Protein backbone atom coordinates (compact mmCIF):
# COMPACT_ATOMS: atom_id res chain seq x y z
CA UNK A 1 -18.01 -3.25 -12.58
CA UNK A 2 -14.81 -5.18 -13.10
CA UNK A 3 -11.90 -4.48 -10.83
CA UNK A 4 -8.64 -5.97 -9.64
CA UNK A 5 -9.64 -6.76 -6.09
CA UNK A 6 -10.53 -3.24 -4.99
CA UNK A 7 -8.33 -1.88 -2.19
CA UNK A 8 -6.13 -5.01 -2.40
CA UNK A 9 -3.56 -3.17 -4.46
CA UNK A 10 -4.15 0.04 -2.55
CA UNK A 11 -3.34 -1.38 0.85
CA UNK A 12 -0.79 -3.99 -0.26
CA UNK A 13 -2.95 -6.90 0.85
CA UNK A 14 -1.21 -9.82 -0.83
CA UNK A 15 -0.60 -11.06 -4.33
CA UNK A 16 -3.97 -11.94 -5.77
CA UNK A 17 -6.80 -10.05 -7.37
CA UNK A 18 -10.47 -10.70 -7.87
CA UNK A 19 -12.44 -9.51 -10.85
CA UNK A 20 -16.17 -9.06 -10.52
CA UNK A 21 -18.98 -6.93 -11.84
CA UNK A 22 -22.25 -7.08 -13.63
CA UNK A 23 -21.35 -10.60 -14.72
CA UNK A 24 -22.17 -14.14 -13.70
CA UNK A 25 -18.68 -15.32 -12.86
CA UNK A 26 -15.90 -13.86 -10.77
CA UNK A 27 -12.36 -14.52 -11.91
CA UNK A 28 -9.29 -14.72 -9.70
CA UNK A 29 -6.03 -13.47 -11.07
CA UNK A 30 -2.56 -12.69 -9.80
CA UNK A 31 0.32 -10.55 -10.93
CA UNK A 32 3.44 -12.40 -12.03
CA UNK A 33 6.82 -11.63 -10.50
CA UNK A 34 7.61 -9.58 -13.55
CA UNK A 35 4.70 -7.23 -12.99
CA UNK A 36 7.05 -4.58 -11.66
CA UNK A 37 8.63 -4.36 -15.12
CA UNK A 38 5.77 -5.19 -17.47
CA UNK A 39 2.04 -5.62 -17.11
CA UNK A 40 1.35 -9.33 -16.86
CA UNK A 41 -1.53 -11.20 -15.29
CA UNK A 42 -2.34 -14.85 -14.80
CA UNK A 43 -5.72 -16.47 -14.26
CA UNK A 44 -5.56 -18.77 -11.24
CA UNK A 45 -9.22 -19.63 -10.65
CA UNK A 46 -12.83 -18.56 -10.90
CA UNK A 47 -15.99 -18.49 -8.82
CA UNK A 48 -19.21 -19.84 -10.28
CA UNK A 49 -21.86 -17.29 -9.36
CA UNK A 50 -24.54 -18.44 -11.78
CA UNK A 51 -27.30 -18.67 -9.17
CA UNK A 52 -26.31 -15.62 -7.18
CA UNK A 53 -27.34 -12.73 -9.36
CA UNK A 54 -25.54 -9.49 -10.08
CA UNK A 55 -22.31 -8.94 -8.15
CA UNK A 56 -21.40 -5.40 -7.20
CA UNK A 57 -18.12 -6.00 -5.43
CA UNK A 58 -15.63 -8.81 -4.74
CA UNK A 59 -12.63 -8.58 -2.44
CA UNK A 60 -9.96 -10.95 -1.22
CA UNK A 61 -8.80 -10.84 2.38
CA UNK A 62 -5.31 -9.82 3.48
CA UNK A 63 -3.80 -13.25 2.72
CA UNK A 64 -5.83 -13.78 -0.46
CA UNK A 65 -7.32 -16.97 0.98
CA UNK A 66 -10.94 -15.84 1.18
CA UNK A 67 -13.16 -13.96 -1.25
CA UNK A 68 -16.23 -11.96 -0.19
CA UNK A 69 -18.85 -10.97 -2.75
CA UNK A 70 -21.59 -8.33 -2.44
CA UNK A 71 -24.75 -9.30 -4.32
CA UNK A 72 -27.89 -7.59 -5.53
CA UNK A 73 -29.96 -10.19 -3.66
CA UNK A 74 -29.02 -8.48 -0.38
CA UNK A 75 -26.58 -11.15 0.80
CA UNK A 76 -22.82 -11.59 1.05
CA UNK A 77 -21.10 -14.84 0.19
CA UNK A 78 -17.67 -15.86 1.41
CA UNK A 79 -15.55 -18.51 -0.28
CA UNK A 80 -12.36 -20.27 0.68
CA UNK A 81 -10.17 -19.90 -2.40
CA UNK A 82 -7.00 -21.44 -1.01
CA UNK A 83 -5.06 -23.41 -3.65
CA UNK A 84 -7.69 -22.69 -6.29
CA UNK A 85 -10.57 -24.16 -4.31
CA UNK A 86 -14.12 -22.80 -4.40
CA UNK A 87 -15.73 -23.71 -1.10
CA UNK A 88 -18.46 -21.47 0.24
CA UNK A 89 -17.89 -20.94 3.96
CA UNK A 90 -20.33 -18.13 4.64
CA UNK A 91 -23.67 -16.74 3.47
CA UNK A 92 -24.41 -13.53 5.36
CA UNK A 93 -27.95 -12.19 5.52
CA UNK A 94 -28.65 -8.86 7.19
CA UNK A 95 -29.23 -6.24 4.52
CA UNK A 96 -32.67 -5.44 3.13
CA UNK A 97 -31.57 -4.47 -0.35
CA UNK A 98 -28.61 -4.72 -2.73
CA UNK A 99 -25.19 -4.79 -1.12
CA UNK A 100 -22.76 -2.45 -2.86
CA UNK A 101 -19.41 -2.88 -1.14
CA UNK A 102 -17.40 -5.18 1.12
CA UNK A 103 -14.16 -4.48 2.98
CA UNK A 104 -11.88 -6.78 5.00
CA UNK A 105 -10.16 -5.51 8.13
CA UNK A 106 -6.50 -6.19 8.81
CA UNK A 107 -6.09 -9.66 10.38
CA UNK A 108 -4.59 -8.18 13.57
CA UNK A 109 -8.19 -7.28 14.47
CA UNK A 110 -9.53 -10.77 13.78
CA UNK A 111 -11.80 -11.92 10.96
CA UNK A 112 -13.87 -8.76 10.37
CA UNK A 113 -15.82 -7.83 7.26
CA UNK A 114 -17.71 -4.57 6.64
CA UNK A 115 -20.62 -4.34 4.19
CA UNK A 116 -22.61 -1.40 2.85
CA UNK A 117 -25.94 -1.41 1.08
CA UNK A 118 -28.89 0.36 -0.44
CA UNK A 119 -30.81 -0.11 2.83
CA UNK A 120 -28.73 2.71 4.43
CA UNK A 121 -26.94 0.23 6.69
CA UNK A 122 -23.31 -0.46 7.45
CA UNK A 123 -22.79 -3.88 9.01
CA UNK A 124 -19.57 -5.13 10.56
CA UNK A 125 -19.43 -8.91 10.64
CA UNK A 126 -17.17 -11.03 12.84
CA UNK A 127 -16.33 -14.70 12.52
CA UNK A 128 -16.64 -16.60 15.79
CA UNK A 129 -16.03 -20.35 15.93
CA UNK A 130 -16.64 -20.68 12.21
CA UNK A 131 -19.89 -18.68 12.26
CA UNK A 132 -20.36 -15.12 11.04
CA UNK A 133 -22.30 -12.81 13.36
CA UNK A 134 -23.16 -9.11 13.33
CA UNK A 135 -20.68 -7.33 15.56
CA UNK A 136 -22.05 -3.85 14.90
CA UNK A 137 -24.76 -2.21 12.77
CA UNK A 138 -24.82 1.49 11.92
CA UNK A 139 -28.16 2.77 10.60
CA UNK A 140 -27.56 6.50 10.95
CA UNK A 141 -27.21 7.37 7.28
CA UNK A 142 -30.30 8.75 5.56
CA UNK A 143 -29.70 7.18 2.15
CA UNK A 144 -27.83 4.40 0.41
CA UNK A 145 -24.31 3.72 1.71
CA UNK A 146 -22.18 3.45 -1.41
CA UNK A 147 -18.70 2.65 -0.11
CA UNK A 148 -16.89 1.42 2.99
CA UNK A 149 -13.21 0.88 3.68
CA UNK A 150 -11.18 -0.08 6.73
CA UNK A 151 -8.21 2.12 7.53
CA UNK A 152 -4.58 0.97 7.49
CA UNK A 153 -3.95 -1.06 10.62
CA UNK A 154 -1.54 1.61 11.97
CA UNK A 155 -4.56 3.90 12.55
CA UNK A 156 -6.43 1.36 14.64
CA UNK A 157 -9.79 -0.16 13.83
CA UNK A 158 -11.52 2.56 11.80
CA UNK A 159 -14.08 2.31 9.01
CA UNK A 160 -14.88 5.10 6.54
CA UNK A 161 -18.30 5.22 4.87
CA UNK A 162 -19.69 7.27 1.96
CA UNK A 163 -23.44 7.77 1.54
CA UNK A 164 -25.91 9.23 -0.93
CA UNK A 165 -27.12 11.52 1.87
CA UNK A 166 -23.95 13.53 1.20
CA UNK A 167 -22.28 12.55 4.45
CA UNK A 168 -18.97 10.81 5.03
CA UNK A 169 -18.75 8.99 8.35
CA UNK A 170 -15.90 7.30 10.21
CA UNK A 171 -16.62 4.55 12.72
CA UNK A 172 -13.85 4.10 15.29
CA UNK A 173 -13.63 1.16 17.69
CA UNK A 174 -12.45 1.86 21.24
CA UNK A 175 -10.77 -1.23 22.75
CA UNK A 176 -11.03 0.24 26.25
CA UNK A 177 -14.83 0.04 26.43
CA UNK A 178 -15.60 -2.06 23.35
CA UNK A 179 -17.75 0.66 21.77
CA UNK A 180 -17.91 2.11 18.27
CA UNK A 181 -17.90 5.91 17.96
CA UNK A 182 -19.08 7.84 14.92
CA UNK A 183 -17.67 11.00 13.36
CA UNK A 184 -19.47 12.76 10.50
CA UNK A 185 -18.29 15.14 7.77
CA UNK A 186 -20.49 17.15 5.42
CA UNK A 187 -18.98 15.54 2.35
CA UNK A 188 -20.62 16.03 -1.04
CA UNK A 189 -23.98 17.66 -1.86
CA UNK A 190 -25.99 15.23 -3.93
CA UNK A 191 -24.17 12.22 -2.53
CA UNK A 192 -20.76 10.81 -1.59
CA UNK A 193 -19.67 7.96 -3.85
CA UNK A 194 -16.26 6.76 -2.68
CA UNK A 195 -13.72 6.81 0.16
CA UNK A 196 -10.06 5.81 0.32
CA UNK A 197 -7.50 6.06 3.11
CA UNK A 198 -4.07 7.50 2.46
CA UNK A 199 -1.23 5.00 2.90
CA UNK A 200 0.94 5.30 5.99
CA UNK A 201 4.35 6.89 5.53
CA UNK A 202 7.33 5.73 7.56
CA UNK A 203 10.47 7.53 8.69
CA UNK A 204 13.24 5.49 10.32
CA UNK A 205 10.78 2.62 10.70
CA UNK A 206 8.24 4.76 12.57
CA UNK A 207 4.84 5.82 11.12
CA UNK A 208 4.69 9.54 10.41
CA UNK A 209 2.38 12.03 8.76
CA UNK A 210 -1.29 12.76 9.24
CA UNK A 211 -4.29 10.45 9.08
CA UNK A 212 -5.90 11.40 5.77
CA UNK A 213 -8.90 10.34 3.76
CA UNK A 214 -9.94 11.10 0.17
CA UNK A 215 -13.57 11.19 -0.97
CA UNK A 216 -15.41 11.78 -4.24
CA UNK A 217 -19.03 12.53 -4.99
CA UNK A 218 -21.91 13.49 -7.23
CA UNK A 219 -20.92 17.17 -7.03
CA UNK A 220 -17.99 16.34 -9.38
CA UNK A 221 -15.46 17.14 -6.64
CA UNK A 222 -12.72 15.40 -4.70
CA UNK A 223 -12.02 16.27 -1.07
CA UNK A 224 -9.11 15.46 1.22
CA UNK A 225 -9.84 15.13 4.94
CA UNK A 226 -7.32 15.25 7.78
CA UNK A 227 -7.76 13.95 11.31
CA UNK A 228 -6.21 16.35 13.85
CA UNK A 229 -6.91 16.81 17.55
CA UNK A 230 -9.67 14.18 17.36
CA UNK A 231 -11.51 16.22 14.71
CA UNK A 232 -11.91 15.66 10.95
CA UNK A 233 -11.48 18.75 8.77
CA UNK A 234 -11.11 19.39 5.05
CA UNK A 235 -7.55 19.99 3.94
CA UNK A 236 -6.55 23.43 2.68
CA UNK A 237 -5.90 24.47 0.01
CA UNK A 238 -8.86 22.59 -1.37
CA UNK A 239 -8.52 19.96 -4.06
CA UNK A 240 -8.69 21.45 -7.60
CA UNK A 241 -11.78 21.16 -9.77
CA UNK A 242 -11.28 18.95 -12.80
CA UNK A 243 -14.10 16.46 -13.46
CA UNK A 244 -17.40 17.32 -15.12
CA UNK A 245 -19.45 14.34 -13.85
CA UNK A 246 -19.70 12.10 -10.79
CA UNK A 247 -16.39 11.12 -9.21
CA UNK A 248 -16.84 7.36 -8.83
CA UNK A 249 -13.50 6.43 -7.30
CA UNK A 250 -10.36 7.84 -5.74
CA UNK A 251 -7.18 5.85 -5.08
CA UNK A 252 -4.01 6.81 -3.26
CA UNK A 253 -0.84 5.41 -4.76
CA UNK A 254 0.24 2.79 -2.18
CA UNK A 255 3.94 3.61 -2.25
CA UNK A 256 3.45 7.36 -1.99
CA UNK A 257 1.02 9.29 0.20
CA UNK A 258 1.21 12.36 -2.06
CA UNK A 259 -0.06 10.82 -5.32
CA UNK A 260 -3.78 10.33 -5.92
CA UNK A 261 -5.79 9.01 -8.88
CA UNK A 262 -9.39 10.12 -9.46
CA UNK A 263 -11.88 8.50 -11.85
CA UNK A 264 -15.14 9.95 -13.10
CA UNK A 265 -18.18 9.29 -15.22
CA UNK A 266 -16.80 12.00 -17.52
CA UNK A 267 -14.67 9.13 -18.94
CA UNK A 268 -11.36 10.40 -17.59
CA UNK A 269 -8.82 9.40 -14.97
CA UNK A 270 -6.61 12.12 -13.52
CA UNK A 271 -3.41 11.51 -11.57
CA UNK A 272 -2.45 14.20 -9.07
CA UNK A 273 0.62 14.98 -7.00
CA UNK A 274 1.27 17.03 -3.88
CA UNK A 275 4.81 18.08 -2.98
CA UNK A 276 4.06 17.90 0.74
CA UNK A 277 1.07 18.03 3.06
CA UNK A 278 -0.58 21.42 3.15
CA UNK A 279 0.53 22.42 -0.33
CA UNK A 280 -1.58 22.63 -3.47
CA UNK A 281 -2.27 19.58 -5.62
CA UNK A 282 -1.14 19.65 -9.25
CA UNK A 283 -2.27 17.53 -12.17
CA UNK A 284 0.32 15.08 -13.52
CA UNK A 285 -1.71 13.67 -16.40
CA UNK A 286 -5.25 13.02 -17.63
CA UNK A 287 -6.07 9.59 -19.10
CA UNK A 288 -9.16 9.29 -21.35
CA UNK A 289 -11.08 5.99 -21.45
CA UNK A 290 -13.95 4.77 -23.62
CA UNK A 291 -16.61 4.65 -20.93
CA UNK A 292 -17.70 5.81 -17.50
CA UNK A 293 -15.01 5.06 -14.93
CA UNK A 294 -16.23 2.86 -12.08
CA UNK A 295 -13.16 1.82 -10.11
CA UNK A 296 -9.41 2.41 -9.75
CA UNK A 297 -6.82 0.05 -8.31
CA UNK A 298 -3.04 0.41 -7.97
CA UNK A 299 -0.48 -2.36 -8.12
CA UNK A 300 1.52 -2.94 -4.93
CA UNK A 301 4.53 -1.04 -6.26
CA UNK A 302 2.37 1.81 -7.51
CA UNK A 303 3.71 1.58 -11.05
CA UNK A 304 0.53 0.14 -12.61
CA UNK A 305 -3.00 1.54 -12.36
CA UNK A 306 -6.02 -0.62 -13.23
CA UNK A 307 -9.13 1.24 -14.37
CA UNK A 308 -12.53 -0.42 -14.68
CA UNK A 309 -15.07 1.27 -16.90
CA UNK A 310 -18.19 0.66 -18.94
CA UNK A 311 -19.76 -2.78 -18.65
CA UNK A 312 -17.14 -5.16 -17.28
CA UNK A 313 -14.03 -3.73 -18.96
CA UNK A 314 -10.66 -2.84 -17.44
CA UNK A 315 -7.52 -1.23 -18.75
CA UNK A 316 -4.01 -1.16 -17.28
CA UNK A 317 -1.80 1.93 -17.34
CA UNK A 318 1.90 1.83 -16.46
CA UNK A 319 4.12 4.70 -15.51
CA UNK A 320 6.40 5.70 -18.37
CA UNK A 321 9.94 7.05 -18.24
CA UNK A 322 8.73 10.65 -18.37
CA UNK A 323 6.39 10.21 -15.40
CA UNK A 324 3.23 9.92 -17.49
CA UNK A 325 1.12 6.77 -17.83
CA UNK A 326 0.54 4.67 -20.94
CA UNK A 327 -1.79 1.78 -21.73
CA UNK A 328 -0.13 -1.63 -21.44
CA UNK A 329 -3.01 -4.10 -21.16
CA UNK A 330 -6.74 -4.77 -21.23
CA UNK A 331 -8.91 -7.10 -19.16
CA UNK A 332 -12.22 -8.42 -20.39
CA UNK A 333 -14.43 -11.31 -19.33
CA UNK A 334 -12.55 -13.46 -21.84
CA UNK A 335 -9.20 -12.73 -20.18
CA UNK A 336 -6.14 -10.48 -20.25
CA UNK A 337 -4.61 -9.00 -23.39
CA UNK A 338 -1.23 -7.29 -23.37
CA UNK A 339 -0.81 -4.16 -25.47
CA UNK A 340 2.58 -4.45 -27.23
CA UNK A 341 4.94 -1.71 -28.28
CA UNK A 342 4.56 0.39 -25.18
CA UNK A 343 7.08 1.81 -22.73
CA UNK A 344 10.14 0.68 -24.68
CA UNK A 345 13.41 2.24 -23.45
CA UNK A 346 15.37 4.54 -25.78
CA UNK A 347 17.15 2.58 -28.50
CA UNK A 348 20.98 2.58 -28.35
CA UNK A 349 21.10 4.22 -31.78
CA UNK A 350 18.83 7.13 -30.91
CA UNK A 351 19.99 10.63 -31.79
CA UNK A 352 22.32 12.02 -29.16
CA UNK A 353 23.32 8.56 -27.97
CA UNK A 354 25.19 7.09 -30.94
CA UNK A 355 28.08 9.58 -30.88
CA UNK A 356 28.84 9.24 -27.14
CA UNK A 357 28.60 5.46 -27.41
CA UNK A 358 31.07 5.40 -30.34
CA UNK A 359 33.47 7.70 -28.49
CA UNK A 360 33.36 5.49 -25.41
CA UNK A 361 34.01 2.39 -27.50
CA UNK A 362 37.00 4.04 -29.17
CA UNK A 363 38.43 5.09 -25.81
CA UNK A 364 38.07 1.59 -24.43
CA UNK A 365 39.79 0.11 -27.51
CA UNK A 366 42.73 2.52 -27.20
CA UNK A 367 43.14 1.72 -23.51
CA UNK A 368 43.07 -2.02 -24.23
CA UNK A 369 45.84 -1.58 -26.85
CA UNK A 370 48.00 0.36 -24.39
CA UNK A 371 47.57 -2.32 -21.71
CA UNK A 372 48.53 -5.02 -24.20
CA UNK A 373 51.66 -3.09 -25.21
CA UNK A 374 52.79 -2.86 -21.59
CA UNK A 375 52.28 -6.61 -21.11
CA UNK A 376 54.27 -7.42 -24.24
CA UNK A 377 57.13 -5.16 -23.06
CA UNK A 378 57.48 -7.37 -19.99
CA UNK A 379 57.26 -10.51 -22.07
CA UNK A 380 53.83 -11.39 -20.81
């Protein structure tokens, strides 16, 4: 699948994106400064992965200086991509099958990387003196682990995992004794496909709100989990039914903890909104695409949503003036193509606007004439 550095946009991890998928090269791109107004992207480098095999995931770290790639050969490669370089600085071997996902922890916890694979393992790697070592291995899942993601740094060092055994687990590190503790939720019958942490809300500069997690699975459902009193429980009222096939990805809008996008193999993306925690979710819009949705990724401002689908294709949707989303660009292996003629503001001559504008112009002209008359009366 092709995606704009998964979770980079979701967690506001810098200004670069990595595109990867069932392809032989990984491209690095970044949003221009004008991305808040229009969808623009610029290619800044690429990674030659000719001899690696199929890539299933690529992510940049918090500062966009390192790229980690999950490969079908059971290994993870790490490159230094500073200033457009391509220097491999790590080749991690520990999985016994394809590696599906990688996730960087916030740098406040050091250089940590989590990986998940078909071998039912979750491995947390740590860089020590330039060498990557296994800091922790979780082998408790009974089937392939399909997704992993570190929580926002405000929640401490936590890692959420989704597995084909139907379970969703959260690994939490305790700094007091240096141990990892595991919590388990009965997630999705038939298999859990994706996890995503809700962004942290702030009030007067202080984090507020609950610790929440969204998951999607092979049962065509989306679930919201809340952490209260040291226990994970599903949020009520439950998330509405909408999709008719596997839910492959869920993505919280990074600037708003009450907006969530869900993508499915039913070839649709749905954007949802919740007025406040504990209330029902309502559908804002449904976006059809020409293929099975594989991944979703928000821009830092939350105004643009990237959707990867099919075999290495991505499409960009931007929020319109009426709150809905419209297509503004496409990303293929050949590069980025802007879709013109979208999201244009109302023309000055539109119906209902011409008459008020003419009246305002006439009023301004009359006032200017009166001011000039006063000046002439005083010989000025």
